Protein backbone atom coordinates (compact mmCIF):
# COMPACT_ATOMS: atom_id res chain seq x y z
CA MET A 1 7.34 15.04 -13.32
CA ARG A 2 6.42 11.84 -15.23
CA ARG A 3 3.47 9.89 -13.90
CA ASP A 4 5.56 6.69 -13.78
CA ALA A 5 8.02 8.47 -11.48
CA TRP A 6 5.44 9.68 -8.96
CA GLN A 7 6.29 8.81 -5.44
CA LEU A 8 5.65 9.90 -1.85
CA ILE A 9 8.75 10.96 0.01
CA ASN A 10 8.46 10.40 3.73
CA PHE A 11 9.94 12.42 6.59
CA GLU A 12 9.24 12.05 10.31
CA ARG A 13 6.78 15.02 10.50
CA PHE A 14 6.22 15.91 6.80
CA GLU A 15 5.73 14.25 3.47
CA ALA A 16 6.23 15.32 -0.14
CA ILE A 17 3.89 14.30 -2.90
CA PRO A 18 3.78 15.28 -6.65
CA ALA A 19 2.02 18.63 -6.91
CA ALA A 20 -0.12 17.23 -9.74
CA LEU A 21 -1.83 14.89 -7.23
CA ALA A 22 -2.81 17.60 -4.75
CA ARG A 23 -6.40 18.76 -4.36
CA PRO A 24 -6.18 22.45 -3.48
CA ARG A 25 -9.18 24.20 -2.05
CA GLY A 26 -8.37 27.69 -3.14
CA SER A 27 -7.62 29.10 -6.59
CA ALA A 28 -4.48 30.87 -5.43
CA THR A 29 -3.00 27.58 -4.16
CA ALA A 30 -4.10 25.78 -7.30
CA ARG A 31 -2.19 28.31 -9.47
CA ILE A 32 0.97 27.86 -7.42
CA LEU A 33 0.73 24.06 -7.51
CA ALA A 34 0.16 24.09 -11.27
CA ARG A 35 3.67 25.56 -11.66
CA SER A 36 5.27 23.30 -9.00
CA GLU A 37 6.73 19.78 -8.90
CA TRP A 38 6.15 18.93 -5.23
CA LEU A 39 3.77 19.68 -2.41
CA LEU A 40 5.09 19.52 1.15
CA ARG A 41 2.41 18.81 3.75
CA ARG A 42 2.21 18.02 7.43
CA LYS A 43 1.50 14.42 8.18
CA SER A 44 -0.50 14.94 11.38
CA ASP A 45 -3.32 16.83 9.61
CA GLY A 46 -2.49 16.90 5.87
CA ARG A 47 -2.05 20.68 5.95
CA PHE A 48 -0.48 22.10 2.75
CA LEU A 49 2.68 23.91 3.89
CA ALA A 50 4.74 24.75 0.77
CA ALA A 51 5.19 24.08 -2.91
CA VAL A 52 8.49 23.24 -4.57
CA GLY A 53 9.14 24.43 -8.10
CA PRO A 54 11.37 22.92 -10.85
CA ALA A 55 14.40 24.98 -9.61
CA ARG A 56 13.75 23.88 -6.01
CA ALA A 57 12.24 27.28 -5.15
CA LEU A 58 10.17 26.92 -1.99
CA VAL A 59 6.83 28.80 -1.92
CA PRO A 60 4.97 28.85 1.46
CA LEU A 61 1.28 28.16 1.10
CA ASP A 62 0.09 29.38 4.53
CA PRO A 63 1.39 31.01 7.71
CA ALA A 64 2.48 27.64 9.12
CA GLY A 65 4.52 27.08 6.01
CA ARG A 66 6.23 30.48 6.42
CA ARG A 67 7.07 29.66 10.06
CA LEU A 68 8.57 26.34 9.10
CA LEU A 69 10.40 27.61 6.03
CA ARG A 70 13.89 26.97 7.43
CA THR A 71 12.93 23.42 8.48
CA LEU A 72 11.27 22.70 5.12
CA ARG A 73 14.26 23.97 3.15
CA GLN A 74 16.37 21.25 4.82
CA LEU A 75 14.15 18.63 3.15
CA LEU A 76 14.82 19.75 -0.42
CA PRO A 77 17.90 17.62 -1.08
CA ALA A 78 15.83 14.49 -0.44
CA LEU A 79 13.53 15.39 -3.31
CA ARG A 80 16.16 14.47 -5.91
CA GLY A 81 16.19 11.01 -7.39
CA ARG A 82 14.65 7.77 -6.28
CA ARG A 83 14.13 6.96 -2.66
CA PRO A 84 16.29 4.44 -0.89
CA ALA A 85 14.53 1.34 0.34
CA ASP A 86 15.13 1.95 4.06
CA THR A 87 12.71 3.11 6.71
CA LEU A 88 12.18 5.98 9.15
CA PRO A 89 13.30 5.64 12.74
CA LEU A 90 10.82 4.54 15.42
CA VAL A 91 12.05 6.68 18.35
CA SER A 92 9.14 9.13 18.30
CA MET A 93 6.63 6.31 18.06
CA HIS A 94 7.72 4.99 21.48
CA ALA A 95 7.16 8.42 22.96
CA ALA A 96 3.68 8.65 21.35
CA LEU A 97 2.62 5.25 22.71
CA ALA A 98 3.68 6.33 26.20
CA GLU A 99 1.65 9.58 25.81
CA LEU A 100 -1.43 7.63 24.83
CA ALA A 101 -0.90 5.16 27.74
CA VAL A 102 -0.96 2.14 25.45
CA PRO A 103 0.04 -0.82 27.69
CA PRO A 104 3.78 -1.36 27.34
CA ASP A 105 3.20 -5.09 26.77
CA TYR A 106 0.65 -4.48 23.98
CA GLY A 107 2.92 -5.78 21.20
CA THR A 108 3.97 -8.85 23.16
CA GLN A 109 0.42 -9.70 24.13
CA ARG A 110 -0.84 -9.36 20.55
CA GLY A 111 2.18 -10.92 18.88
CA LEU A 112 2.71 -7.77 16.90
CA ALA A 113 5.89 -5.78 16.15
CA LEU A 114 6.25 -2.06 15.57
CA VAL A 115 6.09 -1.28 11.84
CA ALA A 116 8.42 1.32 10.50
CA GLU A 117 7.32 3.71 7.72
CA PRO A 118 9.19 3.50 4.37
CA ARG A 119 11.17 6.58 3.29
CA GLY A 120 9.64 6.32 -0.17
CA LEU A 121 6.42 4.91 -1.57
CA ALA A 122 5.27 4.32 -5.19
CA PHE A 123 2.12 5.64 -6.75
CA ALA A 124 -0.21 2.65 -7.25
CA GLY A 125 -3.13 4.44 -8.89
CA VAL A 126 -6.16 5.68 -7.02
CA ASP A 127 -8.47 4.10 -4.51
CA ARG A 128 -12.24 3.89 -4.52
CA TYR A 129 -12.53 7.49 -3.42
CA ARG A 130 -10.16 8.79 -6.15
CA ARG A 131 -7.39 9.38 -3.57
CA PRO A 132 -3.80 8.55 -4.50
CA LEU A 133 -2.89 5.02 -3.41
CA TRP A 134 0.67 4.65 -2.01
CA LEU A 135 2.40 1.34 -1.65
CA THR A 136 5.93 -0.04 -1.62
CA PRO A 137 7.20 -0.50 -5.16
CA GLY A 138 6.77 -4.31 -4.91
CA ALA A 139 3.27 -4.07 -3.55
CA ALA A 140 2.32 -1.49 -6.16
CA ARG A 141 3.44 -3.83 -8.98
CA GLY A 142 1.69 -6.77 -7.33
CA TRP A 143 -1.60 -4.78 -6.88
CA ARG A 144 -1.62 -3.69 -10.55
CA ARG A 145 -1.10 -7.29 -11.74
CA LEU A 146 -3.68 -8.61 -9.27
CA GLN A 147 -6.28 -6.06 -10.36
CA ALA A 148 -5.63 -6.67 -14.03
CA ALA A 149 -5.89 -10.47 -13.67
CA ALA A 150 -9.21 -10.12 -11.74
CA ARG A 151 -10.51 -7.78 -14.43
CA ALA A 152 -9.65 -10.36 -17.10
CA ASP A 153 -11.79 -12.88 -15.18
CA GLY A 154 -14.66 -10.47 -15.00
CA VAL A 155 -14.07 -9.56 -11.31
CA HIS A 156 -13.89 -5.98 -10.14
CA LEU A 157 -11.46 -5.14 -7.32
CA ASP A 158 -10.83 -1.67 -5.91
CA ALA A 159 -8.53 -0.44 -3.13
CA ILE A 160 -10.13 1.07 -0.06
CA SER A 161 -6.86 2.23 1.43
CA GLY A 162 -3.15 1.47 1.36
CA TYR A 163 -0.33 3.15 3.22
CA ARG A 164 -1.27 5.05 6.43
CA SER A 165 1.23 7.04 8.42
CA HIS A 166 1.87 6.74 12.16
CA ALA A 167 0.50 10.30 12.45
CA TYR A 168 -2.80 9.21 10.85
CA GLN A 169 -3.19 6.40 13.32
CA LEU A 170 -2.27 8.69 16.25
CA GLY A 171 -4.92 11.11 15.07
CA ILE A 172 -7.61 8.35 15.26
CA PHE A 173 -6.63 7.64 18.88
CA ARG A 174 -6.55 11.29 19.87
CA ARG A 175 -9.94 12.07 18.40
CA LYS A 176 -11.55 9.04 20.06
CA LEU A 177 -9.93 9.83 23.42
CA ALA A 178 -11.27 13.42 23.08
CA ARG A 179 -14.75 11.95 22.64
CA GLY A 180 -14.46 10.12 25.91
CA GLN A 181 -13.44 6.61 24.82
CA THR A 182 -10.83 4.72 26.80
CA VAL A 183 -7.62 3.32 25.34
CA ALA A 184 -8.94 -0.23 25.93
CA GLU A 185 -12.13 0.53 24.02
CA ILE A 186 -10.18 1.97 21.05
CA LEU A 187 -7.73 -0.95 20.98
CA ALA A 188 -10.66 -3.34 20.60
CA VAL A 189 -11.23 -1.98 17.06
CA ASN A 190 -8.06 -0.13 16.08
CA ALA A 191 -4.43 -1.25 16.09
CA ALA A 192 -2.22 0.80 18.35
CA PRO A 193 -0.25 3.48 16.46
CA GLY A 194 2.87 1.92 15.02
CA TYR A 195 1.38 -1.59 14.93
CA SER A 196 -0.80 -1.39 11.85
CA GLU A 197 0.41 -3.31 8.81
CA HIS A 198 -0.69 -0.31 6.73
CA HIS A 199 2.28 1.64 8.09
CA GLY A 200 4.71 -0.50 6.08
CA GLY A 201 3.10 0.29 2.75
CA ASP A 202 2.67 -3.37 1.73
CA ALA A 203 -0.87 -3.90 2.98
CA LEU A 204 -4.12 -2.69 1.53
CA ASP A 205 -7.85 -3.04 2.12
CA ILE A 206 -9.60 -4.41 -0.95
CA GLY A 207 -13.26 -4.01 -1.91
CA THR A 208 -15.55 -4.56 -4.86
CA ARG A 209 -18.27 -2.65 -6.63
CA GLY A 210 -21.54 -2.42 -4.71
CA GLU A 211 -20.09 -3.68 -1.42
CA PRO A 212 -19.55 -1.38 1.61
CA PRO A 213 -15.90 -0.98 2.60
CA ALA A 214 -14.31 -3.05 5.34
CA GLU A 215 -17.32 -5.22 6.20
CA GLU A 216 -17.34 -8.90 6.96
CA SER A 217 -20.01 -9.35 4.22
CA PHE A 218 -17.15 -9.01 1.70
CA GLU A 219 -16.35 -12.69 2.26
CA ARG A 220 -19.63 -13.60 0.46
CA THR A 221 -18.69 -11.78 -2.77
CA ALA A 222 -17.27 -13.17 -5.97
CA ALA A 223 -14.32 -10.81 -5.45
CA PHE A 224 -13.37 -12.49 -2.18
CA ALA A 225 -13.75 -15.97 -3.68
CA TRP A 226 -11.44 -14.90 -6.51
CA LEU A 227 -8.88 -13.55 -4.03
CA ALA A 228 -8.95 -16.73 -2.01
CA ARG A 229 -8.06 -18.67 -5.17
CA ARG A 230 -5.67 -16.38 -6.91
CA ALA A 231 -4.18 -13.72 -4.62
CA GLY A 232 -1.24 -15.88 -3.66
CA GLU A 233 -0.04 -15.91 -7.25
CA PHE A 234 0.64 -12.20 -6.94
CA GLY A 235 2.23 -12.27 -3.51
CA PHE A 236 -0.82 -11.35 -1.46
CA THR A 237 -2.17 -13.18 1.63
CA MET A 238 -4.96 -12.37 4.01
CA SER A 239 -3.50 -11.11 7.35
CA TYR A 240 -6.35 -11.65 9.80
CA PRO A 241 -8.51 -14.73 9.27
CA ARG A 242 -10.89 -15.91 11.92
CA ASP A 243 -9.28 -16.75 15.27
CA ASN A 244 -5.97 -15.21 14.34
CA PRO A 245 -3.42 -15.17 17.14
CA HIS A 246 -3.32 -11.36 17.31
CA GLY A 247 -6.79 -10.90 18.69
CA ILE A 248 -7.75 -8.71 15.70
CA VAL A 249 -11.28 -9.08 14.36
CA TYR A 250 -11.73 -11.12 11.18
CA GLU A 251 -10.83 -8.86 8.23
CA PRO A 252 -11.49 -10.59 4.85
CA TRP A 253 -10.78 -7.30 3.11
CA HIS A 254 -7.21 -6.83 4.50
CA TRP A 255 -4.41 -8.29 2.34
CA ARG A 256 -0.67 -7.92 2.50
CA HIS A 257 1.94 -8.26 -0.23
CA ARG A 258 5.05 -10.28 0.55
CA ASP A 259 8.18 -9.92 -1.58
CA THR A 260 9.84 -13.26 -2.02
CA ALA A 261 13.21 -11.58 -1.51
CA ALA A 262 12.13 -10.42 2.00
CA PRO A 263 9.59 -12.88 3.43
CA ARG A 264 7.42 -11.56 6.27
CA ARG A 265 4.76 -13.12 8.44
CA ALA A 266 1.47 -13.81 6.67
CA PHE A 267 -1.33 -16.30 6.78
CA SER A 268 -1.88 -18.69 3.87
CA VAL A 269 -4.56 -17.96 1.28
CA ALA A 270 -6.07 -21.36 2.16
CA ALA A 271 -7.11 -19.82 5.49
CA ALA A 272 -9.10 -17.26 3.57
CA THR A 273 -11.67 -19.75 2.29
CA PRO A 274 -15.06 -18.62 3.60
CA PRO A 275 -16.99 -20.97 5.85
CA PRO A 276 -20.46 -22.25 4.86
CA ALA A 277 -22.13 -19.62 7.04
CA PRO A 278 -20.80 -16.31 8.45
CA ALA A 279 -19.51 -16.35 12.00
CA SER A 280 -19.13 -13.61 14.47
CA PRO A 281 -15.92 -11.59 14.17
CA ALA A 282 -13.08 -12.79 16.39
């Protein structure tokens, strides 16, 4: 599979990624993936389930993959060709929110809507930790152009994270609940599953060399000053400035791409200009 054709193919419980991007832990799995085109893995925990060869031959990678073989085989037709630009249904997300006891008026109170996951995402390079970065095709193009323009101006930008699945966000909540935190405590620092802009594949957290990830101190860097001036040229705006109406803490690192063909809510870059002195997060 050509690098420029790499994509993540999304299903409700599983996802397919190019086998060349997988990081197998065992030599046996590595040998199988070296001869394969796709890796099928479970979204809830990232578990490798099966490899798919050039002739669409399905090779289970562990007992769970063997148990799910019939289900996984039904996904194979979707691995052919480019993904449509539509999204996955949100039915299961409503059930998950009820299970977690997220207040039913959470979205209304925060002014947030549920964000559906795209069926297909484009490979946008790697993030700071050398993990594949997945974004919508438009956001991927915008990110490459943004990064290149910053580099030409002597500014280093790196991605901290891009697309995150509903299952990933659910896992955060379940782990914190298991440690004894309440839903209210978790919602103070994490968006409820289904409500994160990262689910849509057009938002990413941006950092710069020598700066810790996702910290308010990012606003005092040359990278942030450059973004405040230039990000809008490439379709990016900062989502959560100080005192934003969603009750989300100030996130100078979180930027979202907006396709002009499909405008979506975003704050202006002008709002991203840092104040003379840092203030407490909202």
